[in-house]
């Protein structure tokens, strides 16, 4: 049961609330699909203070290969889903 102090939202307040919800949802989607960190992994400058041993370079190379393979497979899966075999 509504309280005595309950006041329904005006039409303007409803529009404002819907607009804020829309912006919040867009922000979450934009954040979910943010790929700048992944691209930054491939296209960043060499940091002289970062250790450059063989093991680290090998690990990063393997990670880059794995990311590329994942993206290619994701594209193939999406192509098959939307366009068939």
PDB file of N, CA and C in Angstrom:
ATOM      1  N   UNK A   1       0.838  -1.172   0.000  1.00  0.00           N
ATOM      2  CA  UNK A   1       0.000   0.000   0.000  1.00  0.00           C
ATOM      3  C   UNK A   1       0.887   1.240   0.000  1.00  0.00           C
ATOM      4  N   UNK A   2       0.645   2.210  -0.883  1.00  0.00           N
ATOM      5  CA  UNK A   2       1.482   3.405  -0.931  1.00  0.00           C
ATOM      6  C   UNK A   2       1.375   4.213   0.356  1.00  0.00           C
ATOM      7  N   UNK A   3       2.460   4.854   0.687  1.00  0.00           N
ATOM      8  CA  UNK A   3       2.447   5.698   1.877  1.00  0.00           C
ATOM      9  C   UNK A   3       1.718   6.993   1.570  1.00  0.00           C
ATOM     10  N   UNK A   4       1.417   7.749   2.624  1.00  0.00           N
ATOM     11  CA  UNK A   4       0.682   8.997   2.461  1.00  0.00           C
ATOM     12  C   UNK A   4       1.517  10.039   1.725  1.00  0.00           C
ATOM     13  N   UNK A   5       2.837   9.923   1.819  1.00  0.00           N
ATOM     14  CA  UNK A   5       3.725  10.897   1.194  1.00  0.00           C
ATOM     15  C   UNK A   5       4.073  10.546  -0.247  1.00  0.00           C
ATOM     16  N   UNK A   6       3.503   9.482  -0.758  1.00  0.00           N
ATOM     17  CA  UNK A   6       3.812   9.045  -2.120  1.00  0.00           C
ATOM     18  C   UNK A   6       3.213  10.014  -3.130  1.00  0.00           C
ATOM     19  N   UNK A   7       4.065  10.491  -4.040  1.00  0.00           N
ATOM     20  CA  UNK A   7       3.598  11.363  -5.110  1.00  0.00           C
ATOM     21  C   UNK A   7       4.042  10.745  -6.430  1.00  0.00           C
ATOM     22  N   UNK A   8       3.105  10.534  -7.345  1.00  0.00           N
ATOM     23  CA  UNK A   8       3.516   9.976  -8.625  1.00  0.00           C
ATOM     24  C   UNK A   8       4.431  10.952  -9.376  1.00  0.00           C
ATOM     25  N   UNK A   9       5.314  10.377 -10.171  1.00  0.00           N
ATOM     26  CA  UNK A   9       6.249  11.209 -10.930  1.00  0.00           C
ATOM     27  C   UNK A   9       5.506  11.948 -12.032  1.00  0.00           C
ATOM     28  N   UNK A  10       5.927  13.161 -12.266  1.00  0.00           N
ATOM     29  CA  UNK A  10       5.341  13.919 -13.356  1.00  0.00           C
ATOM     30  C   UNK A  10       5.875  13.369 -14.671  1.00  0.00           C
ATOM     31  N   UNK A  11       5.266  13.783 -15.744  1.00  0.00           N
ATOM     32  CA  UNK A  11       5.699  13.311 -17.062  1.00  0.00           C
ATOM     33  C   UNK A  11       7.134  13.724 -17.352  1.00  0.00           C
ATOM     34  N   UNK A  12       7.495  14.932 -16.952  1.00  0.00           N
ATOM     35  CA  UNK A  12       8.868  15.423 -17.154  1.00  0.00           C
ATOM     36  C   UNK A  12       9.857  14.590 -16.347  1.00  0.00           C
ATOM     37  N   UNK A  13       9.498  14.259 -15.108  1.00  0.00           N
ATOM     38  CA  UNK A  13      10.376  13.444 -14.271  1.00  0.00           C
ATOM     39  C   UNK A  13      10.535  12.049 -14.867  1.00  0.00           C
ATOM     40  N   UNK A  14       9.460  11.502 -15.416  1.00  0.00           N
ATOM     41  CA  UNK A  14       9.537  10.186 -16.044  1.00  0.00           C
ATOM     42  C   UNK A  14      10.467  10.208 -17.251  1.00  0.00           C
ATOM     43  N   UNK A  15      10.360  11.249 -18.069  1.00  0.00           N
ATOM     44  CA  UNK A  15      11.232  11.365 -19.236  1.00  0.00           C
ATOM     45  C   UNK A  15      12.689  11.487 -18.815  1.00  0.00           C
ATOM     46  N   UNK A  16      12.934  12.293 -17.777  1.00  0.00           N
ATOM     47  CA  UNK A  16      14.294  12.465 -17.272  1.00  0.00           C
ATOM     48  C   UNK A  16      14.833  11.143 -16.743  1.00  0.00           C
ATOM     49  N   UNK A  17      14.007  10.419 -16.003  1.00  0.00           N
ATOM     50  CA  UNK A  17      14.415   9.133 -15.441  1.00  0.00           C
ATOM     51  C   UNK A  17      14.709   8.126 -16.550  1.00  0.00           C
ATOM     52  N   UNK A  18      13.866   8.097 -17.588  1.00  0.00           N
ATOM     53  CA  UNK A  18      14.098   7.184 -18.707  1.00  0.00           C
ATOM     54  C   UNK A  18      15.380   7.545 -19.444  1.00  0.00           C
ATOM     55  N   UNK A  19      15.635   8.820 -19.599  1.00  0.00           N
ATOM     56  CA  UNK A  19      16.852   9.272 -20.280  1.00  0.00           C
ATOM     57  C   UNK A  19      18.091   8.860 -19.495  1.00  0.00           C
ATOM     58  N   UNK A  20      18.031   9.009 -18.171  1.00  0.00           N
ATOM     59  CA  UNK A  20      19.166   8.607 -17.331  1.00  0.00           C
ATOM     60  C   UNK A  20      19.388   7.109 -17.408  1.00  0.00           C
ATOM     61  N   UNK A  21      18.296   6.327 -17.414  1.00  0.00           N
ATOM     62  CA  UNK A  21      18.426   4.873 -17.550  1.00  0.00           C
ATOM     63  C   UNK A  21      19.058   4.502 -18.880  1.00  0.00           C
ATOM     64  N   UNK A  22      18.641   5.184 -19.942  1.00  0.00           N
ATOM     65  CA  UNK A  22      19.187   4.932 -21.280  1.00  0.00           C
ATOM     66  C   UNK A  22      20.689   5.236 -21.315  1.00  0.00           C
ATOM     67  N   UNK A  23      21.091   6.347 -20.734  1.00  0.00           N
ATOM     68  CA  UNK A  23      22.507   6.720 -20.714  1.00  0.00           C
ATOM     69  C   UNK A  23      23.313   5.738 -19.875  1.00  0.00           C
ATOM     70  N   UNK A  24      22.753   5.300 -18.766  1.00  0.00           N
ATOM     71  CA  UNK A  24      23.441   4.335 -17.911  1.00  0.00           C
ATOM     72  C   UNK A  24      23.631   3.012 -18.651  1.00  0.00           C
ATOM     73  N   UNK A  25      22.594   2.582 -19.369  1.00  0.00           N
ATOM     74  CA  UNK A  25      22.689   1.324 -20.118  1.00  0.00           C
ATOM     75  C   UNK A  25      23.726   1.438 -21.230  1.00  0.00           C
ATOM     76  N   UNK A  26      23.751   2.564 -21.936  1.00  0.00           N
ATOM     77  CA  UNK A  26      24.751   2.771 -22.982  1.00  0.00           C
ATOM     78  C   UNK A  26      26.146   2.756 -22.410  1.00  0.00           C
ATOM     79  N   UNK A  27      26.305   3.385 -21.253  1.00  0.00           N
ATOM     80  CA  UNK A  27      27.613   3.425 -20.611  1.00  0.00           C
ATOM     81  C   UNK A  27      28.091   2.023 -20.265  1.00  0.00           C
ATOM     82  N   UNK A  28      27.187   1.201 -19.750  1.00  0.00           N
ATOM     83  CA  UNK A  28      27.563  -0.168 -19.401  1.00  0.00           C
ATOM     84  C   UNK A  28      27.919  -0.966 -20.651  1.00  0.00           C
ATOM     85  N   UNK A  29      27.155  -0.795 -21.728  1.00  0.00           N
ATOM     86  CA  UNK A  29      27.472  -1.502 -22.972  1.00  0.00           C
ATOM     87  C   UNK A  29      28.804  -1.038 -23.539  1.00  0.00           C
ATOM     88  N   UNK A  30      29.022   0.263 -23.519  1.00  0.00           N
ATOM     89  CA  UNK A  30      30.281   0.806 -24.027  1.00  0.00           C
ATOM     90  C   UNK A  30      31.450   0.248 -23.207  1.00  0.00           C
ATOM     91  N   UNK A  31      31.273   0.174 -21.909  1.00  0.00           N
ATOM     92  CA  UNK A  31      32.326  -0.350 -21.043  1.00  0.00           C
ATOM     93  C   UNK A  31      32.544  -1.841 -21.316  1.00  0.00           C
ATOM     94  N   UNK A  32      31.455  -2.585 -21.574  1.00  0.00           N
ATOM     95  CA  UNK A  32      31.566  -4.014 -21.835  1.00  0.00           C
ATOM     96  C   UNK A  32      32.332  -4.288 -23.123  1.00  0.00           C
ATOM     97  N   UNK A  33      32.097  -3.461 -24.138  1.00  0.00           N
ATOM     98  CA  UNK A  33      32.738  -3.665 -25.422  1.00  0.00           C
ATOM     99  C   UNK A  33      34.006  -2.831 -25.591  1.00  0.00           C
ATOM    100  N   UNK A  34      34.566  -2.344 -24.520  1.00  0.00           N
ATOM    101  CA  UNK A  34      35.785  -1.538 -24.570  1.00  0.00           C
ATOM    102  C   UNK A  34      36.951  -2.444 -24.976  1.00  0.00           C
ATOM    103  N   UNK A  35      37.606  -2.123 -26.075  1.00  0.00           N
ATOM    104  CA  UNK A  35      38.693  -2.956 -26.576  1.00  0.00           C
ATOM    105  C   UNK A  35      40.023  -2.207 -26.600  1.00  0.00           C
ATOM    106  N   UNK A  36      40.048  -1.021 -26.032  1.00  0.00           N
ATOM    107  CA  UNK A  36      41.283  -0.236 -26.096  1.00  0.00           C
ATOM    108  C   UNK A  36      42.429  -0.931 -25.370  1.00  0.00           C
ATOM    109  N   UNK A  37      42.130  -1.642 -24.287  1.00  0.00           N
ATOM    110  CA  UNK A  37      43.194  -2.351 -23.580  1.00  0.00           C
ATOM    111  C   UNK A  37      43.765  -3.477 -24.432  1.00  0.00           C
ATOM    112  N   UNK A  38      42.894  -4.168 -25.169  1.00  0.00           N
ATOM    113  CA  UNK A  38      43.377  -5.253 -26.027  1.00  0.00           C
ATOM    114  C   UNK A  38      44.235  -4.700 -27.152  1.00  0.00           C
ATOM    115  N   UNK A  39      43.793  -3.598 -27.770  1.00  0.00           N
ATOM    116  CA  UNK A  39      44.601  -3.000 -28.828  1.00  0.00           C
ATOM    117  C   UNK A  39      45.871  -2.391 -28.255  1.00  0.00           C
ATOM    118  N   UNK A  40      45.786  -1.865 -27.064  1.00  0.00           N
ATOM    119  CA  UNK A  40      46.966  -1.306 -26.407  1.00  0.00           C
ATOM    120  C   UNK A  40      48.020  -2.378 -26.152  1.00  0.00           C
ATOM    121  N   UNK A  41      47.565  -3.599 -25.956  1.00  0.00           N
ATOM    122  CA  UNK A  41      48.498  -4.707 -25.732  1.00  0.00           C
ATOM    123  C   UNK A  41      49.347  -4.939 -26.976  1.00  0.00           C
ATOM    124  N   UNK A  42      48.773  -4.748 -28.156  1.00  0.00           N
ATOM    125  CA  UNK A  42      49.499  -4.977 -29.396  1.00  0.00           C
ATOM    126  C   UNK A  42      50.312  -3.763 -29.831  1.00  0.00           C
ATOM    127  N   UNK A  43      49.818  -2.579 -29.555  1.00  0.00           N
ATOM    128  CA  UNK A  43      50.422  -1.374 -30.129  1.00  0.00           C
ATOM    129  C   UNK A  43      50.963  -0.418 -29.071  1.00  0.00           C
ATOM    130  N   UNK A  44      51.643  -0.932 -28.096  1.00  0.00           N
ATOM    131  CA  UNK A  44      52.205  -0.040 -27.085  1.00  0.00           C
ATOM    132  C   UNK A  44      53.705   0.116 -27.303  1.00  0.00           C
ATOM    133  N   UNK A  45      54.227   1.201 -26.768  1.00  0.00           N
ATOM    134  CA  UNK A  45      55.654   1.466 -26.910  1.00  0.00           C
ATOM    135  C   UNK A  45      56.439   0.610 -25.934  1.00  0.00           C
ATOM    136  N   UNK A  46      57.677   0.375 -26.252  1.00  0.00           N
ATOM    137  CA  UNK A  46      58.544  -0.381 -25.357  1.00  0.00           C
ATOM    138  C   UNK A  46      58.826   0.440 -24.107  1.00  0.00           C
ATOM    139  N   UNK A  47      58.662  -0.182 -22.970  1.00  0.00           N
ATOM    140  CA  UNK A  47      58.928   0.488 -21.698  1.00  0.00           C
ATOM    141  C   UNK A  47      60.311   0.060 -21.223  1.00  0.00           C
ATOM    142  N   UNK A  48      61.277   0.979 -21.136  1.00  0.00           N
ATOM    143  CA  UNK A  48      62.631   0.593 -20.751  1.00  0.00           C
ATOM    144  C   UNK A  48      62.735   0.067 -19.324  1.00  0.00           C
ATOM    145  N   UNK A  49      61.804   0.433 -18.463  1.00  0.00           N
ATOM    146  CA  UNK A  49      61.889  -0.042 -17.079  1.00  0.00           C
ATOM    147  C   UNK A  49      61.308  -1.449 -16.920  1.00  0.00           C
ATOM    148  N   UNK A  50      60.613  -1.945 -17.935  1.00  0.00           N
ATOM    149  CA  UNK A  50      60.025  -3.271 -17.864  1.00  0.00           C
ATOM    150  C   UNK A  50      61.096  -4.321 -18.169  1.00  0.00           C
ATOM    151  N   UNK A  51      61.118  -5.424 -17.430  1.00  0.00           N
ATOM    152  CA  UNK A  51      62.125  -6.462 -17.705  1.00  0.00           C
ATOM    153  C   UNK A  51      61.920  -7.051 -19.092  1.00  0.00           C
ATOM    154  N   UNK A  52      63.018  -7.384 -19.753  1.00  0.00           N
ATOM    155  CA  UNK A  52      62.935  -7.865 -21.127  1.00  0.00           C
ATOM    156  C   UNK A  52      63.568  -9.221 -21.319  1.00  0.00           C
ATOM    157  N   UNK A  53      63.435 -10.094 -20.350  1.00  0.00           N
ATOM    158  CA  UNK A  53      64.018 -11.421 -20.477  1.00  0.00           C
ATOM    159  C   UNK A  53      63.295 -12.258 -21.512  1.00  0.00           C
ATOM    160  N   UNK A  54      63.936 -13.360 -21.875  1.00  0.00           N
ATOM    161  CA  UNK A  54      63.376 -14.243 -22.899  1.00  0.00           C
ATOM    162  C   UNK A  54      62.011 -14.782 -22.486  1.00  0.00           C
ATOM    163  N   UNK A  55      61.867 -15.179 -21.224  1.00  0.00           N
ATOM    164  CA  UNK A  55      60.609 -15.767 -20.767  1.00  0.00           C
ATOM    165  C   UNK A  55      59.445 -14.782 -20.898  1.00  0.00           C
ATOM    166  N   UNK A  56      59.667 -13.539 -20.552  1.00  0.00           N
ATOM    167  CA  UNK A  56      58.621 -12.517 -20.646  1.00  0.00           C
ATOM    168  C   UNK A  56      58.244 -12.288 -22.105  1.00  0.00           C
ATOM    169  N   UNK A  57      59.258 -12.167 -22.969  1.00  0.00           N
ATOM    170  CA  UNK A  57      58.960 -11.956 -24.391  1.00  0.00           C
ATOM    171  C   UNK A  57      58.209 -13.149 -24.967  1.00  0.00           C
ATOM    172  N   UNK A  58      58.595 -14.360 -24.605  1.00  0.00           N
ATOM    173  CA  UNK A  58      57.916 -15.560 -25.108  1.00  0.00           C
ATOM    174  C   UNK A  58      56.471 -15.595 -24.617  1.00  0.00           C
ATOM    175  N   UNK A  59      56.265 -15.246 -23.352  1.00  0.00           N
ATOM    176  CA  UNK A  59      54.916 -15.242 -22.796  1.00  0.00           C
ATOM    177  C   UNK A  59      54.029 -14.242 -23.552  1.00  0.00           C
ATOM    178  N   UNK A  60      54.543 -13.034 -23.790  1.00  0.00           N
ATOM    179  CA  UNK A  60      53.757 -12.025 -24.484  1.00  0.00           C
ATOM    180  C   UNK A  60      53.485 -12.428 -25.933  1.00  0.00           C
ATOM    181  N   UNK A  61      54.435 -13.066 -26.569  1.00  0.00           N
ATOM    182  CA  UNK A  61      54.231 -13.535 -27.937  1.00  0.00           C
ATOM    183  C   UNK A  61      53.131 -14.590 -27.981  1.00  0.00           C
ATOM    184  N   UNK A  62      53.178 -15.525 -27.062  1.00  0.00           N
ATOM    185  CA  UNK A  62      52.148 -16.569 -27.005  1.00  0.00           C
ATOM    186  C   UNK A  62      50.782 -15.954 -26.707  1.00  0.00           C
ATOM    187  N   UNK A  63      50.739 -14.967 -25.810  1.00  0.00           N
ATOM    188  CA  UNK A  63      49.476 -14.293 -25.507  1.00  0.00           C
ATOM    189  C   UNK A  63      48.921 -13.590 -26.743  1.00  0.00           C
ATOM    190  N   UNK A  64      49.765 -12.926 -27.492  1.00  0.00           N
ATOM    191  CA  UNK A  64      49.311 -12.236 -28.700  1.00  0.00           C
ATOM    192  C   UNK A  64      48.765 -13.229 -29.719  1.00  0.00           C
ATOM    193  N   UNK A  65      49.443 -14.347 -29.899  1.00  0.00           N
ATOM    194  CA  UNK A  65      48.967 -15.381 -30.821  1.00  0.00           C
ATOM    195  C   UNK A  65      47.618 -15.914 -30.358  1.00  0.00           C
ATOM    196  N   UNK A  66      47.463 -16.135 -29.056  1.00  0.00           N
ATOM    197  CA  UNK A  66      46.201 -16.654 -28.522  1.00  0.00           C
ATOM    198  C   UNK A  66      45.064 -15.657 -28.724  1.00  0.00           C
ATOM    199  N   UNK A  67      45.321 -14.382 -28.510  1.00  0.00           N
ATOM    200  CA  UNK A  67      44.288 -13.360 -28.700  1.00  0.00           C
ATOM    201  C   UNK A  67      43.869 -13.304 -30.163  1.00  0.00           C
ATOM    202  N   UNK A  68      44.835 -13.347 -31.067  1.00  0.00           N
ATOM    203  CA  UNK A  68      44.524 -13.304 -32.494  1.00  0.00           C
ATOM    204  C   UNK A  68      43.709 -14.529 -32.906  1.00  0.00           C
ATOM    205  N   UNK A  69      44.097 -15.706 -32.428  1.00  0.00           N
ATOM    206  CA  UNK A  69      43.341 -16.922 -32.748  1.00  0.00           C
ATOM    207  C   UNK A  69      41.919 -16.837 -32.203  1.00  0.00           C
ATOM    208  N   UNK A  70      41.759 -16.320 -30.993  1.00  0.00           N
ATOM    209  CA  UNK A  70      40.438 -16.179 -30.400  1.00  0.00           C
ATOM    210  C   UNK A  70      39.570 -15.249 -31.239  1.00  0.00           C
ATOM    211  N   UNK A  71      40.121 -14.122 -31.661  1.00  0.00           N
ATOM    212  CA  UNK A  71      39.343 -13.173 -32.455  1.00  0.00           C
ATOM    213  C   UNK A  71      38.949 -13.758 -33.812  1.00  0.00           C
ATOM    214  N   UNK A  72      39.866 -14.495 -34.432  1.00  0.00           N
ATOM    215  CA  UNK A  72      39.549 -15.138 -35.711  1.00  0.00           C
ATOM    216  C   UNK A  72      38.429 -16.162 -35.525  1.00  0.00           C
ATOM    217  N   UNK A  73      38.532 -16.971 -34.484  1.00  0.00           N
ATOM    218  CA  UNK A  73      37.494 -17.978 -34.223  1.00  0.00           C
ATOM    219  C   UNK A  73      36.157 -17.316 -33.906  1.00  0.00           C
ATOM    220  N   UNK A  74      36.193 -16.219 -33.171  1.00  0.00           N
ATOM    221  CA  UNK A  74      34.969 -15.491 -32.864  1.00  0.00           C
ATOM    222  C   UNK A  74      34.315 -14.971 -34.139  1.00  0.00           C
ATOM    223  N   UNK A  75      35.118 -14.466 -35.063  1.00  0.00           N
ATOM    224  CA  UNK A  75      34.577 -14.002 -36.343  1.00  0.00           C
ATOM    225  C   UNK A  75      33.963 -15.153 -37.144  1.00  0.00           C
ATOM    226  N   UNK A  76      34.624 -16.301 -37.140  1.00  0.00           N
ATOM    227  CA  UNK A  76      34.092 -17.467 -37.860  1.00  0.00           C
ATOM    228  C   UNK A  76      32.769 -17.912 -37.247  1.00  0.00           C
ATOM    229  N   UNK A  77      32.701 -17.949 -35.929  1.00  0.00           N
ATOM    230  CA  UNK A  77      31.466 -18.355 -35.254  1.00  0.00           C
ATOM    231  C   UNK A  77      30.340 -17.380 -35.573  1.00  0.00           C
ATOM    232  N   UNK A  78      30.626 -16.080 -35.528  1.00  0.00           N
ATOM    233  CA  UNK A  78      29.599 -15.089 -35.841  1.00  0.00           C
ATOM    234  C   UNK A  78      29.147 -15.190 -37.301  1.00  0.00           C
ATOM    235  N   UNK A  79      30.097 -15.422 -38.205  1.00  0.00           N
ATOM    236  CA  UNK A  79      29.747 -15.582 -39.615  1.00  0.00           C
ATOM    237  C   UNK A  79      28.826 -16.782 -39.803  1.00  0.00           C
ATOM    238  N   UNK A  80      29.155 -17.898 -39.163  1.00  0.00           N
ATOM    239  CA  UNK A  80      28.319 -19.089 -39.299  1.00  0.00           C
ATOM    240  C   UNK A  80      26.943 -18.881 -38.675  1.00  0.00           C
ATOM    241  N   UNK A  81      26.905 -18.144 -37.590  1.00  0.00           N
ATOM    242  CA  UNK A  81      25.620 -17.904 -36.923  1.00  0.00           C
ATOM    243  C   UNK A  81      24.727 -17.036 -37.780  1.00  0.00           C
ATOM    244  N   UNK A  82      25.262 -15.966 -38.358  1.00  0.00           N
ATOM    245  CA  UNK A  82      24.431 -15.036 -39.108  1.00  0.00           C
ATOM    246  C   UNK A  82      24.249 -15.413 -40.578  1.00  0.00           C
ATOM    247  N   UNK A  83      25.236 -16.062 -41.188  1.00  0.00           N
ATOM    248  CA  UNK A  83      25.167 -16.344 -42.618  1.00  0.00           C
ATOM    249  C   UNK A  83      25.151 -17.824 -42.942  1.00  0.00           C
ATOM    250  N   UNK A  84      25.217 -18.686 -41.990  1.00  0.00           N
ATOM    251  CA  UNK A  84      25.220 -20.115 -42.232  1.00  0.00           C
ATOM    252  C   UNK A  84      26.597 -20.592 -42.656  1.00  0.00           C
ATOM    253  N   UNK A  85      26.722 -21.876 -42.936  1.00  0.00           N
ATOM    254  CA  UNK A  85      28.020 -22.443 -43.326  1.00  0.00           C
ATOM    255  C   UNK A  85      28.306 -21.975 -44.689  1.00  0.00           C
TER     256      UNK A  85
END
